[in-house]
PDB file of all heavy atoms in Angstrom:
ATOM      1  N   PHE A   1     199.749 131.555  11.169  1.00  0.00           N
ATOM      2  CA  PHE A   1     198.811 130.430  11.214  1.00  0.00           C
ATOM      3  C   PHE A   1     197.584 130.841  10.421  1.00  0.00           C
ATOM      4  O   PHE A   1     197.403 132.002  10.052  1.00  0.00           O
ATOM      5  CB  PHE A   1     198.452 130.080  12.655  1.00  0.00           C
ATOM      6  CG  PHE A   1     197.553 131.075  13.348  1.00  0.00           C
ATOM      7  CD1 PHE A   1     196.170 130.948  13.338  1.00  0.00           C
ATOM      8  CD2 PHE A   1     198.108 132.177  13.990  1.00  0.00           C
ATOM      9  CE1 PHE A   1     195.355 131.872  13.970  1.00  0.00           C
ATOM     10  CE2 PHE A   1     197.302 133.117  14.623  1.00  0.00           C
ATOM     11  CZ  PHE A   1     195.933 132.970  14.606  1.00  0.00           C
ATOM     12  N   THR A   2     196.710 129.880  10.142  1.00  0.00           N
ATOM     13  CA  THR A   2     195.480 130.201   9.437  1.00  0.00           C
ATOM     14  C   THR A   2     194.308 129.403   9.996  1.00  0.00           C
ATOM     15  O   THR A   2     194.486 128.280  10.470  1.00  0.00           O
ATOM     16  CB  THR A   2     195.634 129.920   7.916  1.00  0.00           C
ATOM     17  OG1 THR A   2     194.419 130.280   7.254  1.00  0.00           O
ATOM     18  CG2 THR A   2     195.909 128.454   7.637  1.00  0.00           C
ATOM     19  N   THR A   3     193.152 130.024   9.930  1.00  0.00           N
ATOM     20  CA  THR A   3     191.921 129.323  10.265  1.00  0.00           C
ATOM     21  C   THR A   3     191.372 128.592   9.054  1.00  0.00           C
ATOM     22  O   THR A   3     190.387 127.872   9.158  1.00  0.00           O
ATOM     23  CB  THR A   3     190.878 130.310  10.786  1.00  0.00           C
ATOM     24  OG1 THR A   3     190.732 131.388   9.823  1.00  0.00           O
ATOM     25  CG2 THR A   3     191.312 130.916  12.121  1.00  0.00           C
ATOM     26  N   GLY A   4     192.015 128.798   7.886  1.00  0.00           N
ATOM     27  CA  GLY A   4     191.637 128.113   6.672  1.00  0.00           C
ATOM     28  C   GLY A   4     192.418 126.817   6.473  1.00  0.00           C
ATOM     29  O   GLY A   4     193.015 126.287   7.400  1.00  0.00           O
ATOM     30  N   GLU A   5     192.435 126.363   5.228  1.00  0.00           N
ATOM     31  CA  GLU A   5     193.016 125.060   4.928  1.00  0.00           C
ATOM     32  C   GLU A   5     194.437 125.100   4.426  1.00  0.00           C
ATOM     33  O   GLU A   5     195.107 124.071   4.375  1.00  0.00           O
ATOM     34  CB  GLU A   5     192.138 124.343   3.879  1.00  0.00           C
ATOM     35  CG  GLU A   5     190.733 124.052   4.371  1.00  0.00           C
ATOM     36  CD  GLU A   5     189.913 123.284   3.350  1.00  0.00           C
ATOM     37  OE1 GLU A   5     190.428 123.097   2.210  1.00  0.00           O
ATOM     38  OE2 GLU A   5     188.781 122.910   3.672  1.00  0.00           O
ATOM     39  N   LYS A   6     194.967 126.286   4.043  1.00  0.00           N
ATOM     40  CA  LYS A   6     196.279 126.340   3.429  1.00  0.00           C
ATOM     41  C   LYS A   6     197.027 127.612   3.791  1.00  0.00           C
ATOM     42  O   LYS A   6     196.440 128.684   3.852  1.00  0.00           O
ATOM     43  CB  LYS A   6     196.143 126.220   1.894  1.00  0.00           C
ATOM     44  CG  LYS A   6     197.465 126.130   1.161  1.00  0.00           C
ATOM     45  CD  LYS A   6     197.232 125.964  -0.335  1.00  0.00           C
ATOM     46  CE  LYS A   6     198.550 125.871  -1.090  1.00  0.00           C
ATOM     47  NZ  LYS A   6     198.343 125.726  -2.569  1.00  0.00           N
ATOM     48  N   ILE A   7     198.330 127.461   4.010  1.00  0.00           N
ATOM     49  CA  ILE A   7     199.219 128.615   4.227  1.00  0.00           C
ATOM     50  C   ILE A   7     199.819 128.976   2.862  1.00  0.00           C
ATOM     51  O   ILE A   7     200.357 128.106   2.151  1.00  0.00           O
ATOM     52  CB  ILE A   7     200.350 128.266   5.210  1.00  0.00           C
ATOM     53  CG1 ILE A   7     199.795 128.007   6.609  1.00  0.00           C
ATOM     54  CG2 ILE A   7     201.390 129.397   5.244  1.00  0.00           C
ATOM     55  CD1 ILE A   7     199.371 129.229   7.358  1.00  0.00           C
ATOM     56  N   PRO A   8     199.761 130.238   2.458  1.00  0.00           N
ATOM     57  CA  PRO A   8     200.388 130.648   1.190  1.00  0.00           C
ATOM     58  C   PRO A   8     201.889 130.358   1.192  1.00  0.00           C
ATOM     59  O   PRO A   8     202.527 130.396   2.255  1.00  0.00           O
ATOM     60  CB  PRO A   8     200.112 132.140   1.107  1.00  0.00           C
ATOM     61  CG  PRO A   8     198.945 132.383   1.998  1.00  0.00           C
ATOM     62  CD  PRO A   8     199.091 131.375   3.110  1.00  0.00           C
ATOM     63  N   GLU A   9     202.451 130.105   0.020  1.00  0.00           N
ATOM     64  CA  GLU A   9     203.859 129.742  -0.091  1.00  0.00           C
ATOM     65  C   GLU A   9     204.743 130.882  -0.571  1.00  0.00           C
ATOM     66  O   GLU A   9     205.956 130.724  -0.707  1.00  0.00           O
ATOM     67  CB  GLU A   9     204.004 128.558  -1.024  1.00  0.00           C
ATOM     68  CG  GLU A   9     203.300 127.303  -0.531  1.00  0.00           C
ATOM     69  CD  GLU A   9     203.463 126.123  -1.472  1.00  0.00           C
ATOM     70  OE1 GLU A   9     204.070 126.323  -2.562  1.00  0.00           O
ATOM     71  OE2 GLU A   9     202.988 125.006  -1.118  1.00  0.00           O
ATOM     72  N   GLY A  10     204.168 132.055  -0.855  1.00  0.00           N
ATOM     73  CA  GLY A  10     204.938 133.186  -1.373  1.00  0.00           C
ATOM     74  C   GLY A  10     205.943 133.713  -0.346  1.00  0.00           C
ATOM     75  O   GLY A  10     205.713 133.666   0.867  1.00  0.00           O
ATOM     76  N   GLU A  11     207.057 134.221  -0.820  1.00  0.00           N
ATOM     77  CA  GLU A  11     208.104 134.764   0.041  1.00  0.00           C
ATOM     78  C   GLU A  11     208.744 135.985  -0.626  1.00  0.00           C
ATOM     79  O   GLU A  11     209.015 135.968  -1.830  1.00  0.00           O
ATOM     80  CB  GLU A  11     209.164 133.709   0.334  1.00  0.00           C
ATOM     81  CG  GLU A  11     210.291 134.215   1.237  1.00  0.00           C
ATOM     82  CD  GLU A  11     211.283 133.120   1.609  1.00  0.00           C
ATOM     83  OE1 GLU A  11     210.813 132.082   2.133  1.00  0.00           O
ATOM     84  OE2 GLU A  11     212.486 133.306   1.353  1.00  0.00           O
ATOM     85  N   ILE A  12     208.969 137.025   0.152  1.00  0.00           N
ATOM     86  CA  ILE A  12     209.674 138.232  -0.300  1.00  0.00           C
ATOM     87  C   ILE A  12     210.785 138.504   0.692  1.00  0.00           C
ATOM     88  O   ILE A  12     210.535 138.556   1.904  1.00  0.00           O
ATOM     89  CB  ILE A  12     208.715 139.430  -0.402  1.00  0.00           C
ATOM     90  CG1 ILE A  12     207.681 139.206  -1.491  1.00  0.00           C
ATOM     91  CG2 ILE A  12     209.514 140.722  -0.677  1.00  0.00           C
ATOM     92  CD1 ILE A  12     206.623 140.303  -1.566  1.00  0.00           C
ATOM     93  N   SER A  13     212.005 138.672   0.210  1.00  0.00           N
ATOM     94  CA  SER A  13     213.132 138.884   1.118  1.00  0.00           C
ATOM     95  C   SER A  13     214.116 139.845   0.479  1.00  0.00           C
ATOM     96  O   SER A  13     214.086 140.123  -0.728  1.00  0.00           O
ATOM     97  CB  SER A  13     213.833 137.570   1.455  1.00  0.00           C
ATOM     98  OG  SER A  13     214.332 136.947   0.292  1.00  0.00           O
ATOM     99  N   GLY A  14     215.024 140.380   1.283  1.00  0.00           N
ATOM    100  CA  GLY A  14     216.012 141.302   0.760  1.00  0.00           C
ATOM    101  C   GLY A  14     216.911 141.806   1.844  1.00  0.00           C
ATOM    102  O   GLY A  14     216.874 141.343   3.003  1.00  0.00           O
ATOM    103  N   LYS A  15     217.731 142.790   1.514  1.00  0.00           N
ATOM    104  CA  LYS A  15     218.665 143.395   2.453  1.00  0.00           C
ATOM    105  C   LYS A  15     218.646 144.905   2.252  1.00  0.00           C
ATOM    106  O   LYS A  15     218.681 145.392   1.128  1.00  0.00           O
ATOM    107  CB  LYS A  15     220.086 142.860   2.252  1.00  0.00           C
ATOM    108  CG  LYS A  15     221.095 143.322   3.318  1.00  0.00           C
ATOM    109  CD  LYS A  15     222.461 142.709   3.073  1.00  0.00           C
ATOM    110  CE  LYS A  15     223.386 142.954   4.257  1.00  0.00           C
ATOM    111  NZ  LYS A  15     223.715 144.391   4.414  1.00  0.00           N
ATOM    112  N   VAL A  16     218.579 145.624   3.339  1.00  0.00           N
ATOM    113  CA  VAL A  16     218.585 147.088   3.300  1.00  0.00           C
ATOM    114  C   VAL A  16     220.000 147.576   3.008  1.00  0.00           C
ATOM    115  O   VAL A  16     220.946 147.210   3.718  1.00  0.00           O
ATOM    116  CB  VAL A  16     218.072 147.679   4.612  1.00  0.00           C
ATOM    117  CG1 VAL A  16     218.189 149.193   4.615  1.00  0.00           C
ATOM    118  CG2 VAL A  16     216.623 147.242   4.849  1.00  0.00           C
ATOM    119  N   PRO A  17     220.218 148.410   1.983  1.00  0.00           N
ATOM    120  CA  PRO A  17     221.557 148.868   1.671  1.00  0.00           C
ATOM    121  C   PRO A  17     222.048 149.884   2.729  1.00  0.00           C
ATOM    122  O   PRO A  17     221.244 150.541   3.395  1.00  0.00           O
ATOM    123  CB  PRO A  17     221.385 149.572   0.310  1.00  0.00           C
ATOM    124  CG  PRO A  17     219.937 149.953   0.262  1.00  0.00           C
ATOM    125  CD  PRO A  17     219.208 148.874   1.019  1.00  0.00           C
ATOM    126  N   ASN A  18     223.355 149.957   2.870  1.00  0.00           N
ATOM    127  CA  ASN A  18     223.994 150.890   3.802  1.00  0.00           C
ATOM    128  C   ASN A  18     223.450 150.753   5.223  1.00  0.00           C
ATOM    129  O   ASN A  18     223.236 151.734   5.932  1.00  0.00           O
ATOM    130  CB  ASN A  18     223.806 152.341   3.297  1.00  0.00           C
ATOM    131  CG  ASN A  18     224.335 152.551   1.924  1.00  0.00           C
ATOM    132  OD1 ASN A  18     225.446 152.081   1.593  1.00  0.00           O
ATOM    133  ND2 ASN A  18     223.584 153.244   1.098  1.00  0.00           N
ATOM    134  N   PHE A  19     223.260 149.507   5.609  1.00  0.00           N
ATOM    135  CA  PHE A  19     222.667 149.228   6.920  1.00  0.00           C
ATOM    136  C   PHE A  19     223.697 149.408   8.022  1.00  0.00           C
ATOM    137  O   PHE A  19     224.845 148.941   7.908  1.00  0.00           O
ATOM    138  CB  PHE A  19     222.109 147.786   6.959  1.00  0.00           C
ATOM    139  CG  PHE A  19     221.524 147.378   8.272  1.00  0.00           C
ATOM    140  CD1 PHE A  19     220.270 147.802   8.627  1.00  0.00           C
ATOM    141  CD2 PHE A  19     222.257 146.590   9.147  1.00  0.00           C
ATOM    142  CE1 PHE A  19     219.722 147.413   9.854  1.00  0.00           C
ATOM    143  CE2 PHE A  19     221.721 146.208  10.374  1.00  0.00           C
ATOM    144  CZ  PHE A  19     220.448 146.626  10.715  1.00  0.00           C
ATOM    145  N   GLY A  20     223.331 150.079   9.106  1.00  0.00           N
ATOM    146  CA  GLY A  20     224.174 150.198  10.292  1.00  0.00           C
ATOM    147  C   GLY A  20     223.613 149.316  11.378  1.00  0.00           C
ATOM    148  O   GLY A  20     222.384 149.172  11.540  1.00  0.00           O
ATOM    149  N   GLN A  21     224.482 148.674  12.160  1.00  0.00           N
ATOM    150  CA  GLN A  21     224.028 147.692  13.149  1.00  0.00           C
ATOM    151  C   GLN A  21     223.144 148.291  14.228  1.00  0.00           C
ATOM    152  O   GLN A  21     222.397 147.589  14.902  1.00  0.00           O
ATOM    153  CB  GLN A  21     225.237 147.003  13.780  1.00  0.00           C
ATOM    154  CG  GLN A  21     225.928 146.048  12.829  1.00  0.00           C
ATOM    155  CD  GLN A  21     226.924 145.141  13.541  1.00  0.00           C
ATOM    156  OE1 GLN A  21     227.226 145.355  14.724  1.00  0.00           O
ATOM    157  NE2 GLN A  21     227.438 144.154  12.838  1.00  0.00           N
ATOM    158  N   LYS A  22     223.206 149.608  14.433  1.00  0.00           N
ATOM    159  CA  LYS A  22     222.376 150.244  15.436  1.00  0.00           C
ATOM    160  C   LYS A  22     221.047 150.727  14.842  1.00  0.00           C
ATOM    161  O   LYS A  22     220.207 151.258  15.568  1.00  0.00           O
ATOM    162  CB  LYS A  22     223.116 151.424  16.062  1.00  0.00           C
ATOM    163  CG  LYS A  22     224.320 151.011  16.898  1.00  0.00           C
ATOM    164  CD  LYS A  22     224.958 152.213  17.584  1.00  0.00           C
ATOM    165  CE  LYS A  22     226.147 151.801  18.435  1.00  0.00           C
ATOM    166  NZ  LYS A  22     226.780 152.973  19.121  1.00  0.00           N
ATOM    167  N   ASP A  23     220.863 150.557  13.542  1.00  0.00           N
ATOM    168  CA  ASP A  23     219.626 150.992  12.904  1.00  0.00           C
ATOM    169  C   ASP A  23     218.438 150.120  13.333  1.00  0.00           C
ATOM    170  O   ASP A  23     218.585 148.917  13.506  1.00  0.00           O
ATOM    171  CB  ASP A  23     219.743 150.932  11.376  1.00  0.00           C
ATOM    172  CG  ASP A  23     220.670 151.991  10.812  1.00  0.00           C
ATOM    173  OD1 ASP A  23     220.975 152.944  11.560  1.00  0.00           O
ATOM    174  OD2 ASP A  23     221.081 151.855   9.655  1.00  0.00           O
ATOM    175  N   ARG A  24     217.279 150.739  13.476  1.00  0.00           N
ATOM    176  CA  ARG A  24     216.022 150.015  13.667  1.00  0.00           C
ATOM    177  C   ARG A  24     215.159 150.346  12.455  1.00  0.00           C
ATOM    178  O   ARG A  24     214.708 151.468  12.294  1.00  0.00           O
ATOM    179  CB  ARG A  24     215.343 150.455  14.986  1.00  0.00           C
ATOM    180  CG  ARG A  24     216.151 150.196  16.230  1.00  0.00           C
ATOM    181  CD  ARG A  24     216.330 148.712  16.476  1.00  0.00           C
ATOM    182  NE  ARG A  24     215.065 148.037  16.736  1.00  0.00           N
ATOM    183  CZ  ARG A  24     214.456 148.018  17.941  1.00  0.00           C
ATOM    184  NH1 ARG A  24     214.983 148.646  18.975  1.00  0.00           N
ATOM    185  NH2 ARG A  24     213.313 147.366  18.108  1.00  0.00           N
ATOM    186  N   ILE A  25     214.968 149.396  11.583  1.00  0.00           N
ATOM    187  CA  ILE A  25     214.333 149.669  10.303  1.00  0.00           C
ATOM    188  C   ILE A  25     213.111 148.762  10.152  1.00  0.00           C
ATOM    189  O   ILE A  25     213.177 147.551  10.354  1.00  0.00           O
ATOM    190  CB  ILE A  25     215.330 149.424   9.155  1.00  0.00           C
ATOM    191  CG1 ILE A  25     216.522 150.370   9.270  1.00  0.00           C
ATOM    192  CG2 ILE A  25     214.641 149.620   7.800  1.00  0.00           C
ATOM    193  CD1 ILE A  25     217.579 150.178   8.240  1.00  0.00           C
ATOM    194  N   LEU A  26     212.001 149.379   9.754  1.00  0.00           N
ATOM    195  CA  LEU A  26     210.767 148.643   9.507  1.00  0.00           C
ATOM    196  C   LEU A  26     210.566 148.468   8.004  1.00  0.00           C
ATOM    197  O   LEU A  26     210.816 149.376   7.204  1.00  0.00           O
ATOM    198  CB  LEU A  26     209.558 149.419  10.054  1.00  0.00           C
ATOM    199  CG  LEU A  26     209.529 149.642  11.562  1.00  0.00           C
ATOM    200  CD1 LEU A  26     208.296 150.458  11.931  1.00  0.00           C
ATOM    201  CD2 LEU A  26     209.555 148.346  12.300  1.00  0.00           C
ATOM    202  N   ILE A  27     210.136 147.270   7.622  1.00  0.00           N
ATOM    203  CA  ILE A  27     209.821 146.970   6.230  1.00  0.00           C
ATOM    204  C   ILE A  27     208.342 146.586   6.189  1.00  0.00           C
ATOM    205  O   ILE A  27     207.913 145.682   6.895  1.00  0.00           O
ATOM    206  CB  ILE A  27     210.659 145.804   5.672  1.00  0.00           C
ATOM    207  CG1 ILE A  27     212.144 145.987   6.039  1.00  0.00           C
ATOM    208  CG2 ILE A  27     210.459 145.682   4.192  1.00  0.00           C
ATOM    209  CD1 ILE A  27     212.805 147.142   5.364  1.00  0.00           C
ATOM    210  N   GLY A  28     207.581 147.265   5.332  1.00  0.00           N
ATOM    211  CA  GLY A  28     206.171 146.965   5.228  1.00  0.00           C
ATOM    212  C   GLY A  28     205.794 146.538   3.837  1.00  0.00           C
ATOM    213  O   GLY A  28     206.457 146.908   2.839  1.00  0.00           O
ATOM    214  N   LEU A  29     204.754 145.737   3.702  1.00  0.00           N
ATOM    215  CA  LEU A  29     204.162 145.377   2.405  1.00  0.00           C
ATOM    216  C   LEU A  29     202.741 145.925   2.368  1.00  0.00           C
ATOM    217  O   LEU A  29     201.945 145.603   3.261  1.00  0.00           O
ATOM    218  CB  LEU A  29     204.140 143.865   2.198  1.00  0.00           C
ATOM    219  CG  LEU A  29     205.475 143.147   2.013  1.00  0.00           C
ATOM    220  CD1 LEU A  29     205.226 141.674   1.774  1.00  0.00           C
ATOM    221  CD2 LEU A  29     206.275 143.745   0.870  1.00  0.00           C
ATOM    222  N   ALA A  30     202.453 146.728   1.350  1.00  0.00           N
ATOM    223  CA  ALA A  30     201.143 147.333   1.229  1.00  0.00           C
ATOM    224  C   ALA A  30     200.440 146.787   0.004  1.00  0.00           C
ATOM    225  O   ALA A  30     201.057 146.475  -1.014  1.00  0.00           O
ATOM    226  CB  ALA A  30     201.274 148.843   1.134  1.00  0.00           C
ATOM    227  N   THR A  31     199.114 146.688   0.116  1.00  0.00           N
ATOM    228  CA  THR A  31     198.295 146.278  -1.021  1.00  0.00           C
ATOM    229  C   THR A  31     197.147 147.262  -1.156  1.00  0.00           C
ATOM    230  O   THR A  31     196.956 148.134  -0.316  1.00  0.00           O
ATOM    231  CB  THR A  31     197.701 144.869  -0.793  1.00  0.00           C
ATOM    232  OG1 THR A  31     196.934 144.870   0.408  1.00  0.00           O
ATOM    233  CG2 THR A  31     198.788 143.826  -0.698  1.00  0.00           C
ATOM    234  N   GLY A  32     196.409 147.135  -2.241  1.00  0.00           N
ATOM    235  CA  GLY A  32     195.246 148.007  -2.431  1.00  0.00           C
ATOM    236  C   GLY A  32     195.634 149.316  -3.057  1.00  0.00           C
ATOM    237  O   GLY A  32     196.552 149.409  -3.875  1.00  0.00           O
ATOM    238  N   GLU A  33     194.948 150.381  -2.683  1.00  0.00           N
ATOM    239  CA  GLU A  33     195.155 151.705  -3.256  1.00  0.00           C
ATOM    240  C   GLU A  33     196.422 152.313  -2.659  1.00  0.00           C
ATOM    241  O   GLU A  33     196.552 152.422  -1.433  1.00  0.00           O
ATOM    242  CB  GLU A  33     193.951 152.616  -2.977  1.00  0.00           C
ATOM    243  CG  GLU A  33     192.647 152.074  -3.554  1.00  0.00           C
ATOM    244  CD  GLU A  33     191.473 152.950  -3.220  1.00  0.00           C
ATOM    245  OE1 GLU A  33     191.682 154.073  -2.699  1.00  0.00           O
ATOM    246  OE2 GLU A  33     190.331 152.522  -3.442  1.00  0.00           O
ATOM    247  N   TRP A  34     197.324 152.757  -3.509  1.00  0.00           N
ATOM    248  CA  TRP A  34     198.609 153.239  -3.062  1.00  0.00           C
ATOM    249  C   TRP A  34     198.698 154.756  -3.117  1.00  0.00           C
ATOM    250  O   TRP A  34     199.632 155.352  -3.598  1.00  0.00           O
ATOM    251  CB  TRP A  34     199.736 152.625  -3.905  1.00  0.00           C
ATOM    252  CG  TRP A  34     199.808 151.143  -3.774  1.00  0.00           C
ATOM    253  CD1 TRP A  34     199.263 150.379  -2.772  1.00  0.00           C
ATOM    254  CD2 TRP A  34     200.461 150.239  -4.634  1.00  0.00           C
ATOM    255  NE1 TRP A  34     199.516 149.066  -2.986  1.00  0.00           N
ATOM    256  CE2 TRP A  34     200.270 148.928  -4.124  1.00  0.00           C
ATOM    257  CE3 TRP A  34     201.198 150.385  -5.826  1.00  0.00           C
ATOM    258  CZ2 TRP A  34     200.782 147.788  -4.719  1.00  0.00           C
ATOM    259  CZ3 TRP A  34     201.700 149.241  -6.437  1.00  0.00           C
ATOM    260  CH2 TRP A  34     201.499 147.977  -5.894  1.00  0.00           C
ATOM    261  N   ARG A  35     197.683 155.422  -2.631  1.00  0.00           N
ATOM    262  CA  ARG A  35     197.715 156.883  -2.521  1.00  0.00           C
ATOM    263  C   ARG A  35     198.595 157.288  -1.356  1.00  0.00           C
ATOM    264  O   ARG A  35     198.626 156.597  -0.333  1.00  0.00           O
ATOM    265  CB  ARG A  35     196.323 157.450  -2.335  1.00  0.00           C
ATOM    266  CG  ARG A  35     195.335 157.129  -3.441  1.00  0.00           C
ATOM    267  CD  ARG A  35     194.074 157.964  -3.290  1.00  0.00           C
ATOM    268  NE  ARG A  35     193.545 157.882  -1.937  1.00  0.00           N
ATOM    269  CZ  ARG A  35     192.652 156.995  -1.559  1.00  0.00           C
ATOM    270  NH1 ARG A  35     192.206 156.074  -2.404  1.00  0.00           N
ATOM    271  NH2 ARG A  35     192.205 156.981  -0.313  1.00  0.00           N
ATOM    272  N   PRO A  36     199.294 158.414  -1.432  1.00  0.00           N
ATOM    273  CA  PRO A  36     200.202 158.832  -0.346  1.00  0.00           C
ATOM    274  C   PRO A  36     199.497 158.980   0.995  1.00  0.00           C
ATOM    275  O   PRO A  36     200.073 158.716   2.043  1.00  0.00           O
ATOM    276  CB  PRO A  36     200.722 160.188  -0.833  1.00  0.00           C
ATOM    277  CG  PRO A  36     200.641 160.092  -2.318  1.00  0.00           C
ATOM    278  CD  PRO A  36     199.408 159.285  -2.601  1.00  0.00           C
ATOM    279  N   ASP A  37     198.201 159.373   0.969  1.00  0.00           N
ATOM    280  CA  ASP A  37     197.501 159.593   2.236  1.00  0.00           C
ATOM    281  C   ASP A  37     196.882 158.327   2.804  1.00  0.00           C
ATOM    282  O   ASP A  37     196.307 158.346   3.892  1.00  0.00           O
ATOM    283  CB  ASP A  37     196.401 160.648   2.068  1.00  0.00           C
ATOM    284  CG  ASP A  37     195.340 160.188   1.081  1.00  0.00           C
ATOM    285  OD1 ASP A  37     195.603 159.250   0.310  1.00  0.00           O
ATOM    286  OD2 ASP A  37     194.254 160.791   1.079  1.00  0.00           O
ATOM    287  N   SER A  38     197.029 157.185   2.095  1.00  0.00           N
ATOM    288  CA  SER A  38     196.412 155.964   2.608  1.00  0.00           C
ATOM    289  C   SER A  38     197.345 154.772   2.542  1.00  0.00           C
ATOM    290  O   SER A  38     196.974 153.674   2.906  1.00  0.00           O
ATOM    291  CB  SER A  38     195.144 155.618   1.817  1.00  0.00           C
ATOM    292  OG  SER A  38     195.471 155.323   0.463  1.00  0.00           O
ATOM    293  N   LEU A  39     198.592 154.993   2.110  1.00  0.00           N
ATOM    294  CA  LEU A  39     199.512 153.876   1.847  1.00  0.00           C
ATOM    295  C   LEU A  39     199.739 153.034   3.096  1.00  0.00           C
ATOM    296  O   LEU A  39     199.608 151.812   3.076  1.00  0.00           O
ATOM    297  CB  LEU A  39     200.827 154.450   1.323  1.00  0.00           C
ATOM    298  CG  LEU A  39     201.854 153.453   0.796  1.00  0.00           C
ATOM    299  CD1 LEU A  39     201.242 152.613  -0.307  1.00  0.00           C
ATOM    300  CD2 LEU A  39     203.081 154.182   0.296  1.00  0.00           C
ATOM    301  N   PHE A  40     200.087 153.679   4.208  1.00  0.00           N
ATOM    302  CA  PHE A  40     200.391 152.936   5.417  1.00  0.00           C
ATOM    303  C   PHE A  40     199.137 152.301   6.002  1.00  0.00           C
ATOM    304  O   PHE A  40     199.233 151.338   6.765  1.00  0.00           O
ATOM    305  CB  PHE A  40     201.099 153.818   6.433  1.00  0.00           C
ATOM    306  CG  PHE A  40     202.566 154.030   6.127  1.00  0.00           C
ATOM    307  CD1 PHE A  40     202.964 155.004   5.243  1.00  0.00           C
ATOM    308  CD2 PHE A  40     203.510 153.212   6.694  1.00  0.00           C
ATOM    309  CE1 PHE A  40     204.302 155.185   4.941  1.00  0.00           C
ATOM    310  CE2 PHE A  40     204.861 153.384   6.404  1.00  0.00           C
ATOM    311  CZ  PHE A  40     205.259 154.373   5.525  1.00  0.00           C
ATOM    312  N   GLY A  41     197.974 152.813   5.657  1.00  0.00           N
ATOM    313  CA  GLY A  41     196.727 152.199   6.127  1.00  0.00           C
ATOM    314  C   GLY A  41     196.417 150.913   5.414  1.00  0.00           C
ATOM    315  O   GLY A  41     195.549 150.168   5.853  1.00  0.00           O
ATOM    316  N   HIS A  42     197.138 150.595   4.325  1.00  0.00           N
ATOM    317  CA  HIS A  42     196.913 149.367   3.581  1.00  0.00           C
ATOM    318  C   HIS A  42     198.006 148.337   3.825  1.00  0.00           C
ATOM    319  O   HIS A  42     198.166 147.401   3.040  1.00  0.00           O
ATOM    320  CB  HIS A  42     196.797 149.662   2.090  1.00  0.00           C
ATOM    321  CG  HIS A  42     195.505 150.299   1.695  1.00  0.00           C
ATOM    322  ND1 HIS A  42     195.287 151.656   1.836  1.00  0.00           N
ATOM    323  CD2 HIS A  42     194.347 149.778   1.205  1.00  0.00           C
ATOM    324  CE1 HIS A  42     194.054 151.935   1.434  1.00  0.00           C
ATOM    325  NE2 HIS A  42     193.477 150.817   1.047  1.00  0.00           N
ATOM    326  N   LEU A  43     198.793 148.516   4.860  1.00  0.00           N
ATOM    327  CA  LEU A  43     199.831 147.525   5.150  1.00  0.00           C
ATOM    328  C   LEU A  43     199.211 146.162   5.411  1.00  0.00           C
ATOM    329  O   LEU A  43     198.267 146.032   6.192  1.00  0.00           O
ATOM    330  CB  LEU A  43     200.640 147.949   6.382  1.00  0.00           C
ATOM    331  CG  LEU A  43     201.665 149.080   6.164  1.00  0.00           C
ATOM    332  CD1 LEU A  43     202.377 149.370   7.489  1.00  0.00           C
ATOM    333  CD2 LEU A  43     202.703 148.677   5.132  1.00  0.00           C
TER     334      LEU A  43
END
């Protein structure tokens, strides 16, 4: 939801290769500075 006037229309989708049904897999999208020590902080 948004407190603004518009919801963005962009979409990113895919499938994890070699997926096992018992796997628990997280997919994140990061923006900003992509340094190894700060990557997950920019999710």
